[in-house]
Amino acid sequence: SPLRHVRQARSYPIEGCWVQQGWDASGLASVVIARRQPNGNLVFGNYLVDYYCLGVKNTYCNGDIPRSQFQNDAMPTMFRAAGKPIKISPALAHEIVYGSLEYAQQFGFRPHRDFAQSQSILDPPDAHPRTGQVKFGKEGKPFFISGPYDNVDAIMRQLARTAGAGNYHFMAQMGGPPPDDWEGDAWEGDAQD
């Protein structure tokens, strides 16, 4: 089953890693890591990473996908909104994902709940040396750029508690409240004094 391949993914060789072109100028990276199963099919993880502030905002994984389906259907779908994918090293892919997680944790932000499953696609955090190509935050501070599903008020309160006034940047979109089905699991509860 696909889930069995996801759970065993670390035992499969990495087939390739991709990120959208221009990722290093936006604060948001769509990272895909694929591994080759013994039967030739692929298992992959897709990670939407906010390396300026929130860490892994969304993630998805799947397994036992024929190579042609991955190339012709999955990859175009995953990069439709992000832009053209470019191949990157496993070290850089892991640095983007794990580095953003570590950076976000400093401010009390946790990864998307599906990361509990999709992290099986990744190597362990210390498996690859850091490349130094990723700059977390902006100008030495977290920079929150709100998206359509972000609870802006809660995130801003979390940054005020953990980073402190004047120690973060933000750019909030104008609009209404988050949708009714939005689940606020991106941050921890109130900070303890």
Protein backbone atom coordinates (compact mmCIF):
# COMPACT_ATOMS: atom_id res chain seq x y z
CA SER A 1 0.00 0.00 0.00
CA PRO A 2 1.17 3.61 -0.45
CA LEU A 3 1.32 4.12 3.33
CA ARG A 4 3.65 1.14 3.74
CA HIS A 5 6.03 2.67 1.21
CA VAL A 6 5.85 6.02 2.98
CA ARG A 7 6.79 4.39 6.29
CA GLN A 8 9.72 2.57 4.64
CA ALA A 9 10.84 5.52 2.50
CA ARG A 10 14.14 6.16 4.29
CA SER A 11 15.33 2.74 3.18
CA TYR A 12 14.84 3.69 -0.50
CA PRO A 13 17.39 5.71 -2.50
CA ILE A 14 16.63 9.34 -3.30
CA GLU A 15 15.50 9.70 -6.91
CA GLY A 16 15.54 13.50 -6.93
CA CYS A 17 14.81 16.73 -5.09
CA TRP A 18 13.19 19.86 -6.53
CA VAL A 19 12.21 23.39 -5.54
CA GLN A 20 10.59 26.15 -7.56
CA GLN A 21 12.82 28.50 -9.54
CA GLY A 22 13.46 31.73 -7.62
CA TRP A 23 12.59 30.14 -4.27
CA ASP A 24 15.40 31.98 -2.49
CA ALA A 25 13.84 35.42 -3.08
CA SER A 26 10.31 34.86 -1.78
CA GLY A 27 10.48 33.32 1.69
CA LEU A 28 8.31 30.44 0.51
CA ALA A 29 9.64 27.22 -1.00
CA SER A 30 7.80 24.23 -2.42
CA VAL A 31 10.18 21.31 -1.90
CA VAL A 32 9.62 17.84 -3.36
CA ILE A 33 11.72 14.80 -2.47
CA ALA A 34 11.16 11.52 -4.32
CA ARG A 35 12.58 8.08 -3.57
CA ARG A 36 12.71 4.99 -5.78
CA GLN A 37 10.94 1.93 -4.40
CA PRO A 38 12.30 -1.58 -5.13
CA ASN A 39 9.56 -2.05 -7.78
CA GLY A 40 10.68 1.12 -9.64
CA ASN A 41 7.71 3.23 -8.56
CA LEU A 42 8.20 6.38 -6.51
CA VAL A 43 7.32 7.57 -3.05
CA PHE A 44 7.45 11.32 -2.51
CA GLY A 45 6.92 14.14 -0.07
CA ASN A 46 5.86 17.69 -0.90
CA TYR A 47 6.63 20.41 1.66
CA LEU A 48 5.38 24.00 1.50
CA VAL A 49 8.02 25.79 3.55
CA ASP A 50 7.92 29.32 4.95
CA TYR A 51 11.60 29.80 5.77
CA TYR A 52 11.02 33.41 6.82
CA CYS A 53 8.84 32.54 9.81
CA LEU A 54 6.34 29.67 10.11
CA GLY A 55 8.30 26.61 8.93
CA VAL A 56 6.40 23.77 7.22
CA LYS A 57 2.98 25.31 6.44
CA ASN A 58 1.62 22.35 4.50
CA THR A 59 2.82 18.93 3.45
CA TYR A 60 1.66 15.89 1.55
CA CYS A 61 3.14 12.49 0.73
CA ASN A 62 2.20 9.49 -1.37
CA GLY A 63 3.75 6.23 -2.49
CA ASP A 64 3.74 3.52 -5.13
CA ILE A 65 3.34 6.09 -7.92
CA PRO A 66 4.57 5.00 -11.38
CA ARG A 67 7.40 7.21 -12.61
CA SER A 68 5.38 8.43 -15.63
CA GLN A 69 2.46 9.45 -13.41
CA PHE A 70 4.85 11.30 -11.08
CA GLN A 71 6.47 13.19 -13.97
CA ASN A 72 3.34 13.89 -16.00
CA ASP A 73 0.71 14.43 -13.29
CA ALA A 74 2.12 14.85 -9.78
CA MET A 75 5.03 17.22 -10.49
CA PRO A 76 3.02 19.65 -12.66
CA THR A 77 0.25 19.68 -10.05
CA MET A 78 2.64 20.30 -7.14
CA PHE A 79 4.41 23.15 -8.91
CA ARG A 80 1.42 24.69 -10.69
CA ALA A 81 1.13 27.60 -8.24
CA ALA A 82 4.79 27.75 -7.17
CA GLY A 83 6.47 27.97 -10.57
CA LYS A 84 8.88 25.92 -12.65
CA PRO A 85 10.71 23.23 -10.64
CA ILE A 86 14.49 23.03 -10.61
CA LYS A 87 16.51 20.06 -9.39
CA ILE A 88 18.51 20.60 -6.20
CA SER A 89 20.81 18.52 -4.04
CA PRO A 90 19.41 16.38 -1.23
CA ALA A 91 21.49 18.45 1.18
CA LEU A 92 19.81 21.70 0.11
CA ALA A 93 16.32 20.14 0.12
CA HIS A 94 16.82 18.86 3.66
CA GLU A 95 18.32 22.16 4.79
CA ILE A 96 15.30 24.11 3.55
CA VAL A 97 12.85 21.81 5.36
CA TYR A 98 14.73 21.07 8.59
CA GLY A 99 16.27 24.54 8.87
CA SER A 100 12.86 26.17 8.57
CA LEU A 101 11.45 23.81 11.21
CA GLU A 102 14.24 24.73 13.62
CA TYR A 103 13.87 28.43 12.91
CA ALA A 104 10.07 28.34 13.39
CA GLN A 105 10.36 26.35 16.62
CA GLN A 106 12.33 29.22 18.18
CA PHE A 107 9.12 31.24 18.00
CA GLY A 108 6.74 28.47 19.06
CA PHE A 109 5.50 27.45 15.59
CA ARG A 110 5.01 23.78 14.85
CA PRO A 111 4.92 22.06 11.45
CA HIS A 112 1.68 21.19 9.73
CA ARG A 113 0.04 18.17 11.37
CA ASP A 114 0.68 15.96 8.30
CA PHE A 115 4.43 16.37 8.81
CA ALA A 116 4.20 13.50 11.31
CA GLN A 117 3.71 11.24 8.28
CA SER A 118 5.60 13.05 5.52
CA GLN A 119 8.81 13.33 7.56
CA SER A 120 9.32 9.62 6.75
CA ILE A 121 10.33 10.69 3.24
CA LEU A 122 13.17 12.82 4.64
CA ASP A 123 16.52 11.58 5.84
CA PRO A 124 17.22 12.18 9.55
CA PRO A 125 17.99 15.85 10.37
CA ASP A 126 21.74 15.33 10.73
CA ALA A 127 22.20 13.14 7.61
CA HIS A 128 23.34 15.99 5.32
CA PRO A 129 25.75 18.83 5.97
CA ARG A 130 24.25 22.30 5.86
CA THR A 131 25.00 24.15 2.63
CA GLY A 132 24.65 27.66 4.04
CA GLN A 133 22.50 28.62 1.03
CA VAL A 134 19.34 29.26 3.06
CA LYS A 135 18.89 32.46 5.04
CA PHE A 136 16.14 32.00 7.61
CA GLY A 137 14.09 35.04 8.52
CA LYS A 138 14.69 38.37 6.81
CA GLU A 139 17.34 40.82 7.90
CA GLY A 140 17.99 38.71 10.99
CA LYS A 141 14.36 38.64 12.17
CA PRO A 142 11.28 36.51 11.52
CA PHE A 143 9.18 37.96 8.71
CA PHE A 144 5.54 36.87 8.72
CA ILE A 145 3.77 37.25 5.38
CA SER A 146 0.16 36.23 5.85
CA GLY A 147 -1.46 33.72 3.56
CA PRO A 148 -5.15 33.04 2.93
CA TYR A 149 -5.41 30.38 5.67
CA ASP A 150 -3.29 32.04 8.36
CA ASN A 151 -4.83 33.22 11.60
CA VAL A 152 -3.06 36.59 11.51
CA ASP A 153 -4.06 37.72 15.01
CA ALA A 154 -2.89 34.51 16.68
CA ILE A 155 0.40 34.44 14.78
CA MET A 156 1.08 38.08 15.57
CA ARG A 157 0.40 37.44 19.28
CA GLN A 158 2.76 34.46 19.17
CA LEU A 159 5.52 36.56 17.59
CA ALA A 160 5.00 39.33 20.14
CA ARG A 161 5.37 36.77 22.97
CA THR A 162 8.33 34.86 21.58
CA ALA A 163 10.32 37.35 19.48
CA GLY A 164 9.31 40.50 21.35
CA ALA A 165 8.11 43.88 20.13
CA GLY A 166 10.25 45.28 17.34
CA ASN A 167 12.03 41.96 16.78
CA TYR A 168 9.99 40.74 13.81
CA HIS A 169 8.62 42.02 10.52
CA PHE A 170 5.17 41.34 9.10
CA MET A 171 3.05 41.93 6.05
CA ALA A 172 -0.61 41.03 6.48
CA GLN A 173 -3.05 40.72 3.61
CA MET A 174 -6.23 42.69 3.86
CA GLY A 175 -9.41 40.65 3.99
CA GLY A 176 -11.77 38.78 6.19
CA PRO A 177 -11.19 36.20 8.89
CA PRO A 178 -9.81 32.74 8.14
CA PRO A 179 -12.25 30.18 6.75
CA ASP A 180 -14.47 28.23 9.16
CA ASP A 181 -12.61 24.96 8.51
CA TRP A 182 -9.20 26.47 9.30
CA GLU A 183 -7.39 24.58 12.04
CA GLY A 184 -4.97 26.64 14.11
CA ASP A 185 -2.25 24.10 14.82
CA ALA A 186 0.70 26.21 13.66
CA TRP A 187 1.65 27.51 17.09
CA GLU A 188 1.82 26.34 20.64
CA GLY A 189 -0.36 27.61 23.45
CA ASP A 190 0.35 30.71 25.47
CA ALA A 191 3.96 31.17 26.44
CA GLN A 192 4.76 30.56 30.06
CA ASP A 193 6.27 33.43 32.05
